[in-house]
N, C-alpha and C. Protein backbone atom coordinates (compact mmCIF):
# COMPACT_ATOMS: atom_id res chain seq x y z
N MET A 1 0.84 -1.18 0.00
CA MET A 1 0.00 0.00 0.00
C MET A 1 0.89 1.24 0.00
N ALA A 2 0.60 2.17 -0.87
CA ALA A 2 1.39 3.39 -0.98
C ALA A 2 1.04 4.33 0.18
N ALA A 3 2.04 5.04 0.68
CA ALA A 3 1.80 5.97 1.77
C ALA A 3 1.12 7.23 1.26
N ILE A 4 0.24 7.79 2.10
CA ILE A 4 -0.42 9.04 1.75
C ILE A 4 0.29 10.16 2.49
N HIS A 5 0.71 11.18 1.78
CA HIS A 5 1.33 12.35 2.37
C HIS A 5 0.34 13.50 2.27
N PRO A 6 -0.31 13.90 3.39
CA PRO A 6 -1.39 14.89 3.31
C PRO A 6 -0.97 16.22 2.73
N GLN A 7 0.26 16.63 2.95
CA GLN A 7 0.68 17.93 2.42
C GLN A 7 0.89 17.90 0.92
N ALA A 8 1.18 16.76 0.34
CA ALA A 8 1.49 16.70 -1.09
C ALA A 8 0.44 15.94 -1.90
N ASP A 9 -0.38 15.15 -1.26
CA ASP A 9 -1.29 14.28 -1.99
C ASP A 9 -2.74 14.74 -1.85
N VAL A 10 -3.19 15.52 -2.80
CA VAL A 10 -4.56 16.06 -2.79
C VAL A 10 -5.57 14.93 -2.90
N LEU A 11 -5.26 13.92 -3.71
CA LEU A 11 -6.18 12.79 -3.87
C LEU A 11 -6.28 11.98 -2.59
N GLY A 12 -5.16 11.78 -1.92
CA GLY A 12 -5.18 11.06 -0.64
C GLY A 12 -6.00 11.80 0.39
N GLU A 13 -5.90 13.11 0.39
CA GLU A 13 -6.69 13.93 1.31
C GLU A 13 -8.17 13.83 0.98
N ALA A 14 -8.50 13.86 -0.31
CA ALA A 14 -9.90 13.71 -0.73
C ALA A 14 -10.44 12.35 -0.32
N LEU A 15 -9.61 11.32 -0.40
CA LEU A 15 -10.02 9.97 0.00
C LEU A 15 -10.28 9.92 1.50
N ARG A 16 -9.41 10.51 2.28
CA ARG A 16 -9.61 10.50 3.74
C ARG A 16 -10.83 11.29 4.17
N LYS A 17 -11.15 12.36 3.44
CA LYS A 17 -12.34 13.14 3.78
C LYS A 17 -13.62 12.33 3.60
N GLU A 18 -13.57 11.32 2.72
CA GLU A 18 -14.75 10.50 2.46
C GLU A 18 -14.99 9.44 3.52
N LEU A 19 -14.00 9.18 4.36
CA LEU A 19 -14.16 8.13 5.37
C LEU A 19 -15.19 8.54 6.41
N GLN A 20 -16.08 7.60 6.73
CA GLN A 20 -17.11 7.83 7.73
C GLN A 20 -16.59 7.40 9.09
N ALA A 21 -17.34 7.74 10.13
CA ALA A 21 -16.94 7.36 11.49
C ALA A 21 -16.84 5.84 11.59
N GLY A 22 -15.72 5.35 12.11
CA GLY A 22 -15.51 3.92 12.27
C GLY A 22 -15.05 3.21 11.01
N GLU A 23 -14.88 3.94 9.93
CA GLU A 23 -14.46 3.33 8.67
C GLU A 23 -12.94 3.37 8.58
N ARG A 24 -12.34 2.25 8.18
CA ARG A 24 -10.89 2.15 8.07
C ARG A 24 -10.48 1.92 6.61
N LEU A 25 -9.43 2.58 6.21
CA LEU A 25 -8.90 2.42 4.85
C LEU A 25 -7.99 1.19 4.83
N LEU A 26 -8.35 0.19 4.03
CA LEU A 26 -7.58 -1.05 3.95
C LEU A 26 -6.55 -1.02 2.82
N TRP A 27 -6.87 -0.32 1.74
CA TRP A 27 -5.97 -0.24 0.58
C TRP A 27 -6.34 0.99 -0.23
N HIS A 28 -5.35 1.59 -0.85
CA HIS A 28 -5.59 2.67 -1.81
C HIS A 28 -4.41 2.76 -2.77
N ASP A 29 -4.68 3.25 -3.96
CA ASP A 29 -3.61 3.46 -4.94
C ASP A 29 -4.16 4.25 -6.12
N LYS A 30 -3.25 4.79 -6.90
CA LYS A 30 -3.61 5.49 -8.14
C LYS A 30 -3.35 4.57 -9.32
N PRO A 31 -4.03 4.79 -10.43
CA PRO A 31 -3.73 4.00 -11.63
C PRO A 31 -2.31 4.29 -12.11
N GLN A 32 -1.68 3.28 -12.70
CA GLN A 32 -0.34 3.47 -13.24
C GLN A 32 -0.40 4.33 -14.50
N GLN A 33 0.65 5.10 -14.70
CA GLN A 33 0.74 5.93 -15.90
C GLN A 33 1.30 5.10 -17.04
N ARG A 34 0.41 4.60 -17.88
CA ARG A 34 0.86 3.82 -19.03
C ARG A 34 -0.03 4.14 -20.21
N LEU A 35 0.60 4.16 -21.36
CA LEU A 35 -0.16 4.32 -22.60
C LEU A 35 -0.27 2.97 -23.28
N SER A 36 -1.42 2.70 -23.80
CA SER A 36 -1.63 1.47 -24.55
C SER A 36 -1.34 1.72 -26.02
N LEU A 37 -0.53 0.87 -26.62
CA LEU A 37 -0.24 1.02 -28.04
C LEU A 37 -1.50 0.85 -28.88
N MET A 38 -2.45 0.05 -28.38
CA MET A 38 -3.71 -0.13 -29.10
C MET A 38 -4.48 1.18 -29.18
N GLY A 39 -4.31 2.05 -28.19
CA GLY A 39 -4.99 3.33 -28.21
C GLY A 39 -4.56 4.20 -29.38
N PHE A 40 -3.33 4.01 -29.82
CA PHE A 40 -2.81 4.80 -30.93
C PHE A 40 -3.30 4.30 -32.29
N SER A 41 -3.98 3.17 -32.32
CA SER A 41 -4.51 2.67 -33.59
C SER A 41 -5.54 3.63 -34.18
N ILE A 42 -6.16 4.44 -33.34
CA ILE A 42 -7.12 5.43 -33.86
C ILE A 42 -6.42 6.43 -34.77
N TRP A 43 -5.11 6.59 -34.61
CA TRP A 43 -4.37 7.53 -35.45
C TRP A 43 -4.38 7.11 -36.91
N LEU A 44 -4.55 5.81 -37.19
CA LEU A 44 -4.63 5.37 -38.59
C LEU A 44 -5.80 6.03 -39.30
N PHE A 45 -6.82 6.37 -38.55
CA PHE A 45 -7.98 7.07 -39.10
C PHE A 45 -7.88 8.57 -38.85
N ALA A 46 -7.38 8.96 -37.68
CA ALA A 46 -7.37 10.38 -37.28
C ALA A 46 -6.43 11.23 -38.12
N ILE A 47 -5.27 10.70 -38.49
CA ILE A 47 -4.30 11.50 -39.26
C ILE A 47 -4.85 11.84 -40.64
N PRO A 48 -5.34 10.87 -41.42
CA PRO A 48 -5.90 11.25 -42.72
C PRO A 48 -7.14 12.14 -42.58
N TRP A 49 -7.97 11.87 -41.59
CA TRP A 49 -9.17 12.68 -41.36
C TRP A 49 -8.79 14.14 -41.14
N THR A 50 -7.85 14.36 -40.19
CA THR A 50 -7.45 15.72 -39.84
C THR A 50 -6.74 16.38 -41.01
N ALA A 51 -5.87 15.65 -41.70
CA ALA A 51 -5.15 16.21 -42.85
C ALA A 51 -6.13 16.64 -43.93
N PHE A 52 -7.12 15.79 -44.23
CA PHE A 52 -8.10 16.14 -45.26
C PHE A 52 -8.95 17.33 -44.81
N ALA A 53 -9.34 17.37 -43.53
CA ALA A 53 -10.15 18.49 -43.03
C ALA A 53 -9.37 19.80 -43.13
N LEU A 54 -8.08 19.76 -42.78
CA LEU A 54 -7.25 20.97 -42.90
C LEU A 54 -7.09 21.37 -44.36
N PHE A 55 -6.83 20.39 -45.22
CA PHE A 55 -6.67 20.67 -46.65
C PHE A 55 -7.96 21.27 -47.22
N TRP A 56 -9.10 20.64 -46.93
CA TRP A 56 -10.38 21.10 -47.47
C TRP A 56 -10.70 22.52 -47.01
N THR A 57 -10.51 22.76 -45.70
CA THR A 57 -10.80 24.09 -45.16
C THR A 57 -9.85 25.13 -45.74
N GLY A 58 -8.57 24.77 -45.85
CA GLY A 58 -7.60 25.70 -46.44
C GLY A 58 -7.91 26.02 -47.89
N MET A 59 -8.27 25.01 -48.67
CA MET A 59 -8.60 25.24 -50.08
C MET A 59 -9.88 26.07 -50.22
N ALA A 60 -10.85 25.81 -49.35
CA ALA A 60 -12.09 26.59 -49.40
C ALA A 60 -11.80 28.05 -49.08
N TYR A 61 -10.95 28.29 -48.09
CA TYR A 61 -10.60 29.66 -47.74
C TYR A 61 -9.78 30.31 -48.85
N ALA A 62 -8.86 29.55 -49.44
CA ALA A 62 -8.05 30.09 -50.54
C ALA A 62 -8.93 30.45 -51.73
N GLY A 63 -9.95 29.64 -52.00
CA GLY A 63 -10.87 29.94 -53.10
C GLY A 63 -11.63 31.23 -52.86
N ILE A 64 -12.03 31.47 -51.64
CA ILE A 64 -12.75 32.71 -51.32
C ILE A 64 -11.81 33.90 -51.38
N SER A 65 -10.59 33.71 -50.87
CA SER A 65 -9.62 34.81 -50.89
C SER A 65 -9.29 35.21 -52.32
N THR A 66 -9.14 34.23 -53.21
CA THR A 66 -8.83 34.51 -54.61
C THR A 66 -9.98 35.25 -55.27
N THR A 67 -11.20 34.82 -55.00
CA THR A 67 -12.38 35.48 -55.57
C THR A 67 -12.52 36.89 -55.03
N ALA A 68 -12.22 37.09 -53.76
CA ALA A 68 -12.35 38.42 -53.16
C ALA A 68 -11.30 39.38 -53.72
N ASP A 69 -10.12 38.86 -54.10
CA ASP A 69 -9.06 39.72 -54.63
C ASP A 69 -9.30 40.12 -56.08
N SER A 70 -10.11 39.37 -56.79
CA SER A 70 -10.37 39.69 -58.20
C SER A 70 -11.38 40.83 -58.29
N ASP A 71 -11.61 41.29 -59.49
CA ASP A 71 -12.54 42.41 -59.70
C ASP A 71 -13.99 41.94 -59.80
N GLY A 72 -14.26 40.68 -59.49
CA GLY A 72 -15.61 40.14 -59.60
C GLY A 72 -16.52 40.69 -58.50
N PRO A 73 -17.76 40.20 -58.46
CA PRO A 73 -18.70 40.69 -57.45
C PRO A 73 -18.26 40.27 -56.05
N ALA A 74 -18.54 41.13 -55.08
CA ALA A 74 -18.20 40.84 -53.69
C ALA A 74 -19.10 39.71 -53.18
N LEU A 75 -18.51 38.78 -52.51
CA LEU A 75 -19.26 37.62 -52.03
C LEU A 75 -19.89 37.85 -50.65
N GLY A 76 -19.37 38.76 -49.88
CA GLY A 76 -19.94 39.05 -48.57
C GLY A 76 -19.55 38.02 -47.51
N LEU A 77 -20.14 38.18 -46.35
CA LEU A 77 -19.83 37.30 -45.22
C LEU A 77 -20.31 35.87 -45.44
N LEU A 78 -21.35 35.69 -46.24
CA LEU A 78 -21.89 34.36 -46.47
C LEU A 78 -20.86 33.44 -47.12
N ALA A 79 -19.94 34.00 -47.87
CA ALA A 79 -18.92 33.19 -48.54
C ALA A 79 -18.01 32.50 -47.52
N TYR A 80 -17.84 33.09 -46.35
CA TYR A 80 -16.96 32.49 -45.33
C TYR A 80 -17.61 31.29 -44.63
N ALA A 81 -18.89 31.07 -44.85
CA ALA A 81 -19.55 29.90 -44.27
C ALA A 81 -18.98 28.62 -44.85
N PHE A 82 -18.58 28.65 -46.11
CA PHE A 82 -18.06 27.44 -46.77
C PHE A 82 -16.78 26.94 -46.08
N PRO A 83 -15.75 27.78 -45.87
CA PRO A 83 -14.57 27.26 -45.17
C PRO A 83 -14.84 26.99 -43.69
N LEU A 84 -15.75 27.75 -43.07
CA LEU A 84 -16.07 27.51 -41.66
C LEU A 84 -16.73 26.15 -41.45
N PHE A 85 -17.34 25.63 -42.49
CA PHE A 85 -17.96 24.31 -42.42
C PHE A 85 -16.92 23.23 -42.08
N GLY A 86 -15.67 23.45 -42.43
CA GLY A 86 -14.61 22.47 -42.16
C GLY A 86 -14.07 22.51 -40.74
N VAL A 87 -14.32 23.60 -40.00
CA VAL A 87 -13.77 23.74 -38.65
C VAL A 87 -14.22 22.62 -37.71
N PRO A 88 -15.51 22.24 -37.66
CA PRO A 88 -15.88 21.13 -36.77
C PRO A 88 -15.15 19.83 -37.11
N PHE A 89 -14.88 19.60 -38.39
CA PHE A 89 -14.17 18.38 -38.78
C PHE A 89 -12.72 18.43 -38.31
N ILE A 90 -12.13 19.62 -38.30
CA ILE A 90 -10.77 19.77 -37.76
C ILE A 90 -10.77 19.49 -36.26
N VAL A 91 -11.77 20.03 -35.55
CA VAL A 91 -11.86 19.82 -34.10
C VAL A 91 -12.01 18.33 -33.78
N VAL A 92 -12.88 17.63 -34.52
CA VAL A 92 -13.05 16.19 -34.31
C VAL A 92 -11.73 15.47 -34.56
N GLY A 93 -11.01 15.84 -35.60
CA GLY A 93 -9.72 15.21 -35.89
C GLY A 93 -8.71 15.43 -34.78
N LEU A 94 -8.65 16.65 -34.25
CA LEU A 94 -7.73 16.94 -33.15
C LEU A 94 -8.10 16.15 -31.90
N CYS A 95 -9.39 16.00 -31.64
CA CYS A 95 -9.84 15.20 -30.49
C CYS A 95 -9.44 13.74 -30.66
N MET A 96 -9.57 13.21 -31.88
CA MET A 96 -9.15 11.82 -32.12
C MET A 96 -7.64 11.67 -31.94
N LEU A 97 -6.87 12.67 -32.35
CA LEU A 97 -5.42 12.61 -32.18
C LEU A 97 -5.04 12.66 -30.70
N ALA A 98 -5.80 13.40 -29.90
CA ALA A 98 -5.51 13.53 -28.47
C ALA A 98 -6.04 12.37 -27.64
N ALA A 99 -6.98 11.60 -28.17
CA ALA A 99 -7.65 10.53 -27.40
C ALA A 99 -6.69 9.54 -26.74
N PRO A 100 -5.64 9.06 -27.42
CA PRO A 100 -4.75 8.09 -26.76
C PRO A 100 -3.98 8.69 -25.58
N LEU A 101 -3.86 10.01 -25.53
CA LEU A 101 -3.13 10.66 -24.44
C LEU A 101 -4.02 10.98 -23.25
N ALA A 102 -5.34 10.86 -23.42
CA ALA A 102 -6.28 11.19 -22.34
C ALA A 102 -6.06 10.37 -21.08
N PRO A 103 -5.72 9.07 -21.16
CA PRO A 103 -5.50 8.32 -19.92
C PRO A 103 -4.41 8.90 -19.04
N LEU A 104 -3.37 9.48 -19.63
CA LEU A 104 -2.32 10.10 -18.81
C LEU A 104 -2.87 11.25 -18.00
N PHE A 105 -3.77 12.02 -18.61
CA PHE A 105 -4.37 13.16 -17.92
C PHE A 105 -5.25 12.68 -16.78
N LEU A 106 -6.08 11.67 -17.03
CA LEU A 106 -7.03 11.20 -16.03
C LEU A 106 -6.34 10.44 -14.91
N LYS A 107 -5.33 9.64 -15.22
CA LYS A 107 -4.72 8.78 -14.21
C LYS A 107 -4.01 9.57 -13.12
N GLN A 108 -3.59 10.77 -13.41
CA GLN A 108 -2.97 11.60 -12.39
C GLN A 108 -4.02 12.20 -11.45
N ARG A 109 -5.29 12.05 -11.80
CA ARG A 109 -6.35 12.71 -11.04
C ARG A 109 -7.37 11.72 -10.48
N GLN A 110 -6.95 10.46 -10.29
CA GLN A 110 -7.88 9.44 -9.83
C GLN A 110 -7.21 8.59 -8.75
N VAL A 111 -8.01 8.17 -7.77
CA VAL A 111 -7.51 7.29 -6.72
C VAL A 111 -8.61 6.28 -6.39
N PHE A 112 -8.18 5.07 -6.08
CA PHE A 112 -9.10 4.00 -5.69
C PHE A 112 -8.84 3.68 -4.22
N GLY A 113 -9.90 3.31 -3.51
CA GLY A 113 -9.74 2.93 -2.11
C GLY A 113 -10.70 1.83 -1.72
N ILE A 114 -10.23 0.94 -0.85
CA ILE A 114 -11.08 -0.09 -0.26
C ILE A 114 -11.06 0.14 1.24
N THR A 115 -12.25 0.28 1.81
CA THR A 115 -12.37 0.43 3.26
C THR A 115 -13.04 -0.83 3.81
N ASN A 116 -13.24 -0.86 5.11
CA ASN A 116 -13.94 -2.00 5.70
C ASN A 116 -15.43 -1.97 5.40
N ARG A 117 -15.92 -0.92 4.71
CA ARG A 117 -17.34 -0.81 4.38
C ARG A 117 -17.64 -0.56 2.91
N ARG A 118 -16.70 0.10 2.20
CA ARG A 118 -17.02 0.55 0.83
C ARG A 118 -15.82 0.43 -0.10
N LEU A 119 -16.15 0.45 -1.40
CA LEU A 119 -15.17 0.65 -2.47
C LEU A 119 -15.35 2.08 -2.94
N LEU A 120 -14.26 2.84 -2.98
CA LEU A 120 -14.33 4.25 -3.37
C LEU A 120 -13.49 4.49 -4.63
N ILE A 121 -14.05 5.27 -5.55
CA ILE A 121 -13.31 5.73 -6.73
C ILE A 121 -13.48 7.24 -6.77
N ILE A 122 -12.39 7.96 -6.60
CA ILE A 122 -12.43 9.42 -6.57
C ILE A 122 -11.66 9.97 -7.76
N THR A 123 -12.33 10.83 -8.52
CA THR A 123 -11.72 11.50 -9.66
C THR A 123 -11.78 12.99 -9.41
N LYS A 124 -10.63 13.65 -9.48
CA LYS A 124 -10.57 15.08 -9.19
C LYS A 124 -10.16 15.84 -10.44
N LEU A 125 -11.15 16.41 -11.12
CA LEU A 125 -10.90 17.27 -12.27
C LEU A 125 -11.20 18.69 -11.81
N ARG A 126 -12.07 19.42 -12.50
CA ARG A 126 -12.48 20.73 -11.99
C ARG A 126 -13.32 20.57 -10.74
N ALA A 127 -14.14 19.53 -10.74
CA ALA A 127 -14.92 19.17 -9.56
C ALA A 127 -14.49 17.77 -9.14
N THR A 128 -14.76 17.44 -7.90
CA THR A 128 -14.42 16.12 -7.40
C THR A 128 -15.60 15.18 -7.56
N SER A 129 -15.36 14.05 -8.22
CA SER A 129 -16.39 13.03 -8.41
C SER A 129 -16.08 11.85 -7.50
N VAL A 130 -17.06 11.44 -6.70
CA VAL A 130 -16.86 10.33 -5.77
C VAL A 130 -17.88 9.24 -6.09
N GLU A 131 -17.37 8.05 -6.42
CA GLU A 131 -18.22 6.88 -6.60
C GLU A 131 -18.02 6.00 -5.37
N SER A 132 -19.11 5.68 -4.70
CA SER A 132 -19.06 4.90 -3.47
C SER A 132 -19.95 3.68 -3.62
N PHE A 133 -19.38 2.50 -3.36
CA PHE A 133 -20.12 1.24 -3.49
C PHE A 133 -20.02 0.47 -2.18
N ARG A 134 -21.14 0.17 -1.56
CA ARG A 134 -21.16 -0.59 -0.32
C ARG A 134 -20.71 -2.02 -0.60
N LEU A 135 -19.82 -2.54 0.22
CA LEU A 135 -19.24 -3.86 -0.02
C LEU A 135 -20.28 -4.97 -0.07
N GLU A 136 -21.32 -4.86 0.76
CA GLU A 136 -22.33 -5.93 0.80
C GLU A 136 -23.18 -5.97 -0.46
N ARG A 137 -23.11 -4.93 -1.29
CA ARG A 137 -23.90 -4.89 -2.52
C ARG A 137 -23.08 -5.23 -3.77
N LEU A 138 -21.80 -5.47 -3.60
CA LEU A 138 -20.96 -5.80 -4.74
C LEU A 138 -21.18 -7.25 -5.15
N GLY A 139 -21.06 -7.51 -6.45
CA GLY A 139 -21.26 -8.86 -6.98
C GLY A 139 -19.97 -9.49 -7.43
N SER A 140 -20.01 -10.12 -8.58
CA SER A 140 -18.85 -10.85 -9.09
C SER A 140 -17.70 -9.91 -9.44
N ILE A 141 -16.50 -10.45 -9.39
CA ILE A 141 -15.28 -9.68 -9.67
C ILE A 141 -14.53 -10.38 -10.80
N LYS A 142 -14.13 -9.60 -11.79
CA LYS A 142 -13.31 -10.12 -12.89
C LYS A 142 -11.95 -9.42 -12.82
N ARG A 143 -10.89 -10.23 -12.80
CA ARG A 143 -9.53 -9.67 -12.72
C ARG A 143 -8.81 -9.90 -14.04
N VAL A 144 -8.16 -8.85 -14.56
CA VAL A 144 -7.27 -8.96 -15.72
C VAL A 144 -5.88 -8.59 -15.22
N GLU A 145 -4.95 -9.54 -15.33
CA GLU A 145 -3.61 -9.34 -14.80
C GLU A 145 -2.57 -9.43 -15.91
N HIS A 146 -1.64 -8.47 -15.92
CA HIS A 146 -0.57 -8.44 -16.91
C HIS A 146 0.67 -9.15 -16.36
N LYS A 147 1.67 -9.34 -17.20
CA LYS A 147 2.87 -10.07 -16.82
C LYS A 147 3.59 -9.45 -15.62
N ASP A 148 3.52 -8.13 -15.51
CA ASP A 148 4.21 -7.45 -14.41
C ASP A 148 3.41 -7.46 -13.11
N GLY A 149 2.24 -8.11 -13.10
CA GLY A 149 1.42 -8.18 -11.88
C GLY A 149 0.40 -7.08 -11.77
N SER A 150 0.50 -6.07 -12.63
CA SER A 150 -0.50 -5.00 -12.61
C SER A 150 -1.74 -5.46 -13.37
N GLY A 151 -2.81 -4.74 -13.22
CA GLY A 151 -4.03 -5.10 -13.93
C GLY A 151 -5.21 -4.29 -13.47
N HIS A 152 -6.40 -4.76 -13.78
CA HIS A 152 -7.60 -4.06 -13.35
C HIS A 152 -8.67 -5.05 -12.93
N LEU A 153 -9.60 -4.55 -12.11
CA LEU A 153 -10.74 -5.33 -11.65
C LEU A 153 -12.01 -4.72 -12.21
N SER A 154 -12.90 -5.57 -12.71
CA SER A 154 -14.25 -5.15 -13.08
C SER A 154 -15.18 -5.77 -12.05
N ILE A 155 -15.90 -4.92 -11.33
CA ILE A 155 -16.71 -5.38 -10.20
C ILE A 155 -18.17 -5.07 -10.49
N MET A 156 -19.02 -6.08 -10.40
CA MET A 156 -20.44 -5.88 -10.64
C MET A 156 -21.04 -5.10 -9.47
N THR A 157 -21.68 -3.98 -9.79
CA THR A 157 -22.26 -3.13 -8.74
C THR A 157 -23.78 -3.13 -8.75
N GLY A 158 -24.37 -3.67 -9.79
CA GLY A 158 -25.83 -3.72 -9.85
C GLY A 158 -26.30 -4.12 -11.23
N THR A 159 -27.61 -4.20 -11.35
CA THR A 159 -28.22 -4.52 -12.64
C THR A 159 -29.28 -3.48 -12.95
N GLY A 160 -29.58 -3.35 -14.20
CA GLY A 160 -30.61 -2.40 -14.65
C GLY A 160 -31.20 -2.89 -15.95
N HIS A 161 -31.95 -2.01 -16.59
CA HIS A 161 -32.56 -2.33 -17.87
C HIS A 161 -32.29 -1.19 -18.84
N ASP A 162 -31.98 -1.54 -20.09
CA ASP A 162 -31.76 -0.52 -21.11
C ASP A 162 -33.10 -0.09 -21.70
N SER A 163 -33.06 0.78 -22.70
CA SER A 163 -34.29 1.33 -23.28
C SER A 163 -35.16 0.27 -23.95
N ASP A 164 -34.56 -0.85 -24.33
CA ASP A 164 -35.32 -1.94 -24.94
C ASP A 164 -35.91 -2.88 -23.89
N GLY A 165 -35.55 -2.67 -22.63
CA GLY A 165 -36.02 -3.56 -21.58
C GLY A 165 -35.08 -4.72 -21.30
N ASP A 166 -33.96 -4.77 -22.03
CA ASP A 166 -32.99 -5.84 -21.80
C ASP A 166 -32.22 -5.58 -20.51
N LYS A 167 -31.87 -6.66 -19.83
CA LYS A 167 -31.13 -6.55 -18.58
C LYS A 167 -29.68 -6.14 -18.85
N THR A 168 -29.18 -5.19 -18.08
CA THR A 168 -27.79 -4.74 -18.21
C THR A 168 -27.09 -4.89 -16.86
N THR A 169 -25.78 -5.04 -16.92
CA THR A 169 -24.98 -5.14 -15.70
C THR A 169 -24.17 -3.87 -15.54
N GLU A 170 -24.22 -3.29 -14.36
CA GLU A 170 -23.44 -2.09 -14.06
C GLU A 170 -22.17 -2.53 -13.35
N THR A 171 -21.05 -1.95 -13.75
CA THR A 171 -19.77 -2.33 -13.16
C THR A 171 -18.97 -1.11 -12.75
N ALA A 172 -18.10 -1.32 -11.78
CA ALA A 172 -17.10 -0.33 -11.40
C ALA A 172 -15.76 -0.93 -11.79
N VAL A 173 -14.86 -0.10 -12.28
CA VAL A 173 -13.55 -0.59 -12.72
C VAL A 173 -12.46 0.06 -11.88
N VAL A 174 -11.67 -0.78 -11.25
CA VAL A 174 -10.46 -0.32 -10.57
C VAL A 174 -9.37 -0.46 -11.62
N GLY A 175 -8.92 0.70 -12.14
CA GLY A 175 -8.01 0.74 -13.28
C GLY A 175 -6.67 0.09 -13.03
N ARG A 176 -5.78 0.22 -13.96
CA ARG A 176 -4.51 -0.51 -13.91
C ARG A 176 -3.68 -0.08 -12.71
N VAL A 177 -3.63 -0.97 -11.73
CA VAL A 177 -2.86 -0.72 -10.51
C VAL A 177 -1.88 -1.87 -10.31
N PRO A 178 -0.79 -1.65 -9.57
CA PRO A 178 0.17 -2.73 -9.33
C PRO A 178 -0.41 -3.79 -8.39
N ARG A 179 0.13 -5.00 -8.46
CA ARG A 179 -0.23 -6.11 -7.57
C ARG A 179 -1.74 -6.32 -7.50
N ILE A 180 -2.35 -6.49 -8.67
CA ILE A 180 -3.81 -6.56 -8.75
C ILE A 180 -4.37 -7.78 -8.04
N ALA A 181 -3.62 -8.90 -8.01
CA ALA A 181 -4.11 -10.09 -7.31
C ALA A 181 -4.26 -9.82 -5.82
N ALA A 182 -3.31 -9.07 -5.23
CA ALA A 182 -3.40 -8.72 -3.82
C ALA A 182 -4.56 -7.77 -3.57
N VAL A 183 -4.82 -6.87 -4.52
CA VAL A 183 -5.95 -5.95 -4.40
C VAL A 183 -7.26 -6.73 -4.41
N GLU A 184 -7.35 -7.70 -5.31
CA GLU A 184 -8.56 -8.53 -5.36
C GLU A 184 -8.75 -9.30 -4.05
N ALA A 185 -7.66 -9.85 -3.51
CA ALA A 185 -7.75 -10.59 -2.25
C ALA A 185 -8.21 -9.68 -1.12
N THR A 186 -7.69 -8.45 -1.08
CA THR A 186 -8.11 -7.49 -0.06
C THR A 186 -9.59 -7.18 -0.19
N LEU A 187 -10.05 -6.97 -1.41
CA LEU A 187 -11.46 -6.66 -1.64
C LEU A 187 -12.36 -7.83 -1.25
N ARG A 188 -12.00 -9.04 -1.67
CA ARG A 188 -12.82 -10.21 -1.34
C ARG A 188 -12.87 -10.43 0.18
N ASP A 189 -11.73 -10.27 0.85
CA ASP A 189 -11.68 -10.42 2.30
C ASP A 189 -12.57 -9.38 2.98
N ALA A 190 -12.49 -8.14 2.51
CA ALA A 190 -13.32 -7.07 3.09
C ALA A 190 -14.80 -7.34 2.86
N MET A 191 -15.15 -7.87 1.67
CA MET A 191 -16.55 -8.19 1.38
C MET A 191 -17.06 -9.30 2.30
N GLU A 192 -16.24 -10.34 2.52
CA GLU A 192 -16.64 -11.44 3.41
C GLU A 192 -16.81 -10.96 4.84
N ARG A 193 -15.88 -10.14 5.32
CA ARG A 193 -15.98 -9.62 6.69
C ARG A 193 -17.23 -8.76 6.86
N ARG A 194 -17.51 -7.95 5.83
CA ARG A 194 -18.69 -7.08 5.90
C ARG A 194 -19.97 -7.91 5.94
N GLN A 195 -20.02 -8.99 5.18
CA GLN A 195 -21.20 -9.86 5.19
C GLN A 195 -21.39 -10.48 6.57
N ARG A 196 -20.30 -10.85 7.24
CA ARG A 196 -20.41 -11.44 8.58
C ARG A 196 -20.87 -10.41 9.61
N GLU A 197 -20.50 -9.14 9.41
CA GLU A 197 -20.89 -8.09 10.35
C GLU A 197 -22.38 -7.79 10.30
N LEU A 198 -23.00 -7.98 9.15
CA LEU A 198 -24.41 -7.60 8.97
C LEU A 198 -25.35 -8.67 9.47
């Protein structure tokens, strides 16, 4: 378990603020900072998309600029709508290019915790988001473990129904953290103890 330093660890402080009276923190950690090479596969589509959007918008603007410089009739502000039509496509392309880097941004702002009563997932962006799951209500656990021992847990938190009426399973994910097998053991032990207490 990583040590929490209250003066330097804003996420650790946010986690401790969530603890209720009599609640003990059994484990906590942040997701590891890793990029998945599979995430960059979107670039196979994003690079040509963005390049074409930039080319199309640039050519549309160049066509208007050329027409405006000639002695022909003035096109007015409406003519600029044509190149502006390409701007949303450029924005979408830039978002696709940035998508593989998003996990680095989020992982620095997230912490997971297991207490003797709850599973906590805290994400601190502009506002703090706290997901709290009572241990006695958690269901099955799926563990994915990598060669280095890190991995993630998918934990069933409930069931619901989609718009078609089909049954859906709601899950909480404890992202890529080190020693995931030990984390799973801690969670299962805490769940069993909580069931005995009730």
